[in-house]
Amino acid sequence: MTVIERMGKTRLIPVCVIENAATATPAARAMLRGGVDIMEITLRTPAGLDAIELVSRDCPDMLVGAGTVLTLESCKTAVARGAQFIVSPGYDPIIVSYCIEHGIFVLPGCVTSTEITVARNAGLGAVKFFPAGVYGGIRAIRALAAPFSGTKFVPTGGIDARNLAEYLVPDVLAVGGGWLCERSALIKGDFEAITDACAESMRIVAAISGCCHD
C-alpha cells in the first residue's frame, strides 16, 4: 500500500512535537493501540530526527514521516534516518523536486490557488492545508476543491476531536493535528491519553465512513 493510500485509509495523522526521543516509540505504540498507524514527527525540536529513527527501527507497523521540513538538507537527513514521507509548512520547489525524483511522498503546504496550481503541475495529488483554522477551514477547502478536482487536502491547525467530523469530506485525504499526541501527554509519559485520543478520533472517522457508505 502506498503512503497516499495509507493516509486515505486511516484518515488521521498525529503531528508529534517530541522533546525526548525516548518517548517516541512508546507514543507510536500507543497510537497503534488507538487504531492510528501514521505519525508525523516534526523537526521543531532537536529530538525530532532521533525520534524518527527510533520509531522507524522499533515500530515497523507505524508509517512515520518528518514534519516542519524547511530545507533540502533536513529533508535528506530525515529520509536517511527513516522518514517515509515529508511534510513542509509551505511549498519549497527544491524539496518537492528532490522528493519526486527519489520517489518520496511529500506534502507541501498550499493555501492559495497559485500554490495548488504549482503543486498540481509538479504532479502532486495531495497538499497540506496549514494553518487550516486561519485560512478558512473546511469552507476554504471546499471552495478550492471545486476548480482543483482530484487534488486532495490534508488540513492541520485548529482541528481537534470537536470539529474533526466536519473535515472528513471526500476532498480531504486525511486530517492532521497535535490533539492526537499532546505534548503534555508526552512529557508526563501518559501514553494511555494518546491511545484514548486516537481511539476517540478513529471512532469519529468510522462513523463518518459508515454514513458515507450507507
Protein backbone atom coordinates (compact mmCIF):
# COMPACT_ATOMS: atom_id res chain seq x y z
CA MET A 1 0.00 0.00 0.00
CA THR A 2 1.37 3.42 -0.95
CA VAL A 3 1.72 6.31 1.51
CA ILE A 4 -1.22 8.19 -0.01
CA GLU A 5 -3.33 5.02 0.18
CA ARG A 6 -2.37 4.53 3.84
CA MET A 7 -3.33 8.13 4.62
CA GLY A 8 -6.62 7.77 2.78
CA LYS A 9 -7.41 4.61 4.74
CA THR A 10 -6.51 5.84 8.24
CA ARG A 11 -7.53 9.48 7.62
CA LEU A 12 -5.67 10.73 10.71
CA ILE A 13 -2.10 11.95 11.04
CA PRO A 14 -0.93 12.78 14.57
CA VAL A 15 1.51 15.70 14.49
CA CYS A 16 4.06 14.94 17.21
CA VAL A 17 6.40 17.50 18.72
CA ILE A 18 8.79 15.31 20.68
CA GLU A 19 11.11 16.79 23.28
CA ASN A 20 12.60 13.48 24.44
CA ALA A 21 13.34 10.87 21.78
CA ALA A 22 12.88 8.08 24.34
CA THR A 23 9.13 8.79 24.31
CA ALA A 24 8.80 8.32 20.55
CA THR A 25 8.44 4.55 20.36
CA PRO A 26 6.07 4.26 23.34
CA ALA A 27 3.99 7.04 21.77
CA ALA A 28 3.93 5.23 18.42
CA ARG A 29 2.79 2.03 20.11
CA ALA A 30 0.12 3.99 21.98
CA MET A 31 -1.20 5.36 18.68
CA LEU A 32 -1.27 1.89 17.16
CA ARG A 33 -3.34 0.67 20.12
CA GLY A 34 -5.74 3.51 19.33
CA GLY A 35 -6.01 2.40 15.70
CA VAL A 36 -3.75 5.03 14.11
CA ASP A 37 -0.80 3.72 12.08
CA ILE A 38 0.63 7.02 10.77
CA MET A 39 2.56 9.70 12.62
CA GLU A 40 4.34 12.89 11.63
CA ILE A 41 7.28 13.76 13.86
CA THR A 42 8.19 17.40 13.47
CA LEU A 43 11.72 18.73 13.24
CA ARG A 44 10.84 21.60 15.58
CA THR A 45 12.93 20.08 18.36
CA PRO A 46 16.47 18.66 18.47
CA ALA A 47 14.98 15.26 19.32
CA GLY A 48 12.97 15.01 16.09
CA LEU A 49 15.50 13.12 13.98
CA ASP A 50 16.38 10.68 16.75
CA ALA A 51 12.68 10.08 17.34
CA ILE A 52 12.11 9.30 13.65
CA GLU A 53 14.99 6.82 13.65
CA LEU A 54 13.76 5.06 16.80
CA VAL A 55 10.19 4.67 15.54
CA SER A 56 11.37 3.54 12.11
CA ARG A 57 13.59 0.90 13.73
CA ASP A 58 11.45 -0.27 16.63
CA CYS A 59 7.89 0.12 15.34
CA PRO A 60 7.66 -1.25 11.77
CA ASP A 61 3.85 -1.15 11.75
CA MET A 62 3.96 2.64 12.05
CA LEU A 63 4.26 4.81 8.94
CA VAL A 64 6.49 7.61 10.21
CA GLY A 65 7.18 10.88 8.44
CA ALA A 66 9.05 14.09 9.10
CA GLY A 67 7.21 17.38 9.52
CA THR A 68 8.31 21.03 9.55
CA VAL A 69 10.89 20.22 6.88
CA LEU A 70 12.24 23.60 5.79
CA THR A 71 15.46 22.78 3.91
CA LEU A 72 16.71 20.20 1.45
CA GLU A 73 19.42 19.20 3.91
CA SER A 74 16.87 18.42 6.65
CA CYS A 75 14.75 16.54 4.11
CA LYS A 76 17.68 14.33 3.10
CA THR A 77 18.69 13.75 6.71
CA ALA A 78 15.15 12.85 7.78
CA VAL A 79 14.83 10.30 4.97
CA ALA A 80 18.22 8.84 5.85
CA ARG A 81 17.04 8.47 9.45
CA GLY A 82 13.89 6.58 8.38
CA ALA A 83 11.22 9.12 7.41
CA GLN A 84 8.83 7.60 4.88
CA PHE A 85 7.18 10.87 3.93
CA ILE A 86 7.98 14.58 4.13
CA VAL A 87 5.72 17.41 5.24
CA SER A 88 6.53 21.10 4.83
CA PRO A 89 4.55 24.10 6.09
CA GLY A 90 4.99 25.82 2.71
CA TYR A 91 5.81 24.97 -0.89
CA ASP A 92 9.56 24.65 -1.47
CA PRO A 93 10.22 23.65 -5.10
CA ILE A 94 13.67 22.31 -4.23
CA ILE A 95 12.31 19.93 -1.59
CA VAL A 96 9.38 18.90 -3.78
CA SER A 97 11.63 18.21 -6.78
CA TYR A 98 14.03 16.15 -4.70
CA CYS A 99 11.21 14.07 -3.24
CA ILE A 100 9.61 13.44 -6.61
CA GLU A 101 12.97 12.47 -8.13
CA HIS A 102 13.63 9.99 -5.32
CA GLY A 103 10.11 8.57 -5.01
CA ILE A 104 9.43 10.10 -1.59
CA PHE A 105 5.86 11.12 -0.77
CA VAL A 106 5.79 14.85 0.00
CA LEU A 107 3.04 17.09 1.38
CA PRO A 108 3.89 20.76 0.89
CA GLY A 109 1.76 23.44 2.49
CA CYS A 110 -0.52 25.12 -0.07
CA VAL A 111 -3.35 27.51 0.82
CA THR A 112 -3.76 29.62 -2.33
CA SER A 113 -4.91 28.82 -5.85
CA THR A 114 -1.45 29.68 -7.15
CA GLU A 115 0.30 27.30 -4.75
CA ILE A 116 -2.11 24.48 -5.52
CA THR A 117 -1.60 25.06 -9.25
CA VAL A 118 2.16 24.78 -8.80
CA ALA A 119 1.72 21.56 -6.79
CA ARG A 120 -0.58 20.03 -9.41
CA ASN A 121 1.80 20.97 -12.22
CA ALA A 122 4.58 19.24 -10.29
CA GLY A 123 2.46 16.08 -10.30
CA LEU A 124 1.36 16.08 -6.67
CA GLY A 125 -2.02 14.58 -5.85
CA ALA A 126 -2.29 15.97 -2.33
CA VAL A 127 -1.26 19.09 -0.42
CA LYS A 128 -1.12 20.15 3.20
CA PHE A 129 -3.56 22.94 4.10
CA PHE A 130 -2.00 24.82 7.02
CA PRO A 131 -2.99 26.51 9.24
CA ALA A 132 -6.49 25.41 8.34
CA GLY A 133 -8.24 27.37 11.08
CA VAL A 134 -6.63 30.63 9.97
CA TYR A 135 -7.14 30.15 6.23
CA GLY A 136 -10.86 29.46 6.24
CA GLY A 137 -11.12 25.85 7.39
CA ILE A 138 -13.41 23.45 5.62
CA ARG A 139 -15.25 26.22 3.75
CA ALA A 140 -11.99 27.26 2.10
CA ILE A 141 -11.10 23.66 1.27
CA ARG A 142 -14.50 23.07 -0.34
CA ALA A 143 -14.13 26.27 -2.39
CA LEU A 144 -10.62 25.39 -3.55
CA ALA A 145 -11.52 21.78 -4.29
CA ALA A 146 -14.12 22.84 -6.86
CA PRO A 147 -11.68 24.14 -9.52
CA PHE A 148 -8.92 21.72 -8.50
CA SER A 149 -10.83 18.50 -8.99
CA GLY A 150 -8.80 15.47 -7.98
CA THR A 151 -6.48 17.29 -5.59
CA LYS A 152 -6.72 16.01 -2.02
CA PHE A 153 -6.15 18.16 1.05
CA VAL A 154 -4.56 17.38 4.41
CA PRO A 155 -5.69 20.15 6.77
CA THR A 156 -3.88 20.78 10.03
CA GLY A 157 -4.05 23.61 12.54
CA GLY A 158 -7.10 24.47 14.61
CA ILE A 159 -8.58 20.97 14.38
CA ASP A 160 -9.36 18.57 17.22
CA ALA A 161 -11.92 15.93 18.12
CA ARG A 162 -14.64 18.58 18.50
CA ASN A 163 -14.57 19.71 14.86
CA LEU A 164 -12.90 16.70 13.20
CA ALA A 165 -16.14 15.39 11.70
CA GLU A 166 -16.74 18.50 9.59
CA TYR A 167 -13.36 17.99 7.88
CA LEU A 168 -13.98 14.35 6.92
CA VAL A 169 -15.26 15.12 3.42
CA PRO A 170 -14.21 13.36 0.20
CA ASP A 171 -11.83 16.16 -0.80
CA VAL A 172 -9.84 15.66 2.42
CA LEU A 173 -7.32 12.83 2.27
CA ALA A 174 -6.57 12.88 5.99
CA VAL A 175 -6.65 15.28 8.93
CA GLY A 176 -3.56 16.10 10.93
CA GLY A 177 -3.13 17.60 14.35
CA GLY A 178 -1.41 17.69 17.67
CA TRP A 179 -4.52 16.74 19.63
CA LEU A 180 -3.80 13.09 18.78
CA CYS A 181 -0.42 13.26 20.52
CA GLU A 182 -0.45 16.07 23.06
CA ARG A 183 2.93 17.45 24.13
CA SER A 184 1.76 17.41 27.74
CA ALA A 185 0.97 13.69 27.50
CA LEU A 186 4.42 13.01 26.05
CA ILE A 187 6.15 14.99 28.77
CA LYS A 188 4.20 13.20 31.51
CA GLY A 189 4.58 9.80 29.86
CA ASP A 190 0.79 9.48 29.77
CA PHE A 191 0.66 7.18 26.77
CA GLU A 192 -2.81 5.98 27.66
CA ALA A 193 -4.08 9.51 26.95
CA ILE A 194 -2.57 9.27 23.47
CA THR A 195 -4.26 5.91 22.87
CA ASP A 196 -7.59 7.35 24.08
CA ALA A 197 -7.31 10.43 21.84
CA CYS A 198 -6.54 8.30 18.79
CA ALA A 199 -9.30 5.79 19.56
CA GLU A 200 -11.89 8.54 20.06
CA SER A 201 -10.97 10.17 16.76
CA MET A 202 -10.93 6.85 14.91
CA ARG A 203 -14.48 6.27 16.14
CA ILE A 204 -15.44 9.59 14.56
CA VAL A 205 -13.74 8.56 11.31
CA ALA A 206 -15.54 5.20 11.37
CA ALA A 207 -18.90 6.85 11.99
CA ILE A 208 -18.43 9.25 9.06
CA SER A 209 -17.20 6.44 6.80
CA GLY A 210 -20.21 4.34 7.77
CA CYS A 211 -22.56 7.18 6.87
CA CYS A 212 -20.81 7.71 3.56
CA HIS A 213 -21.13 4.04 2.60
CA ASP A 214 -24.75 3.54 3.63
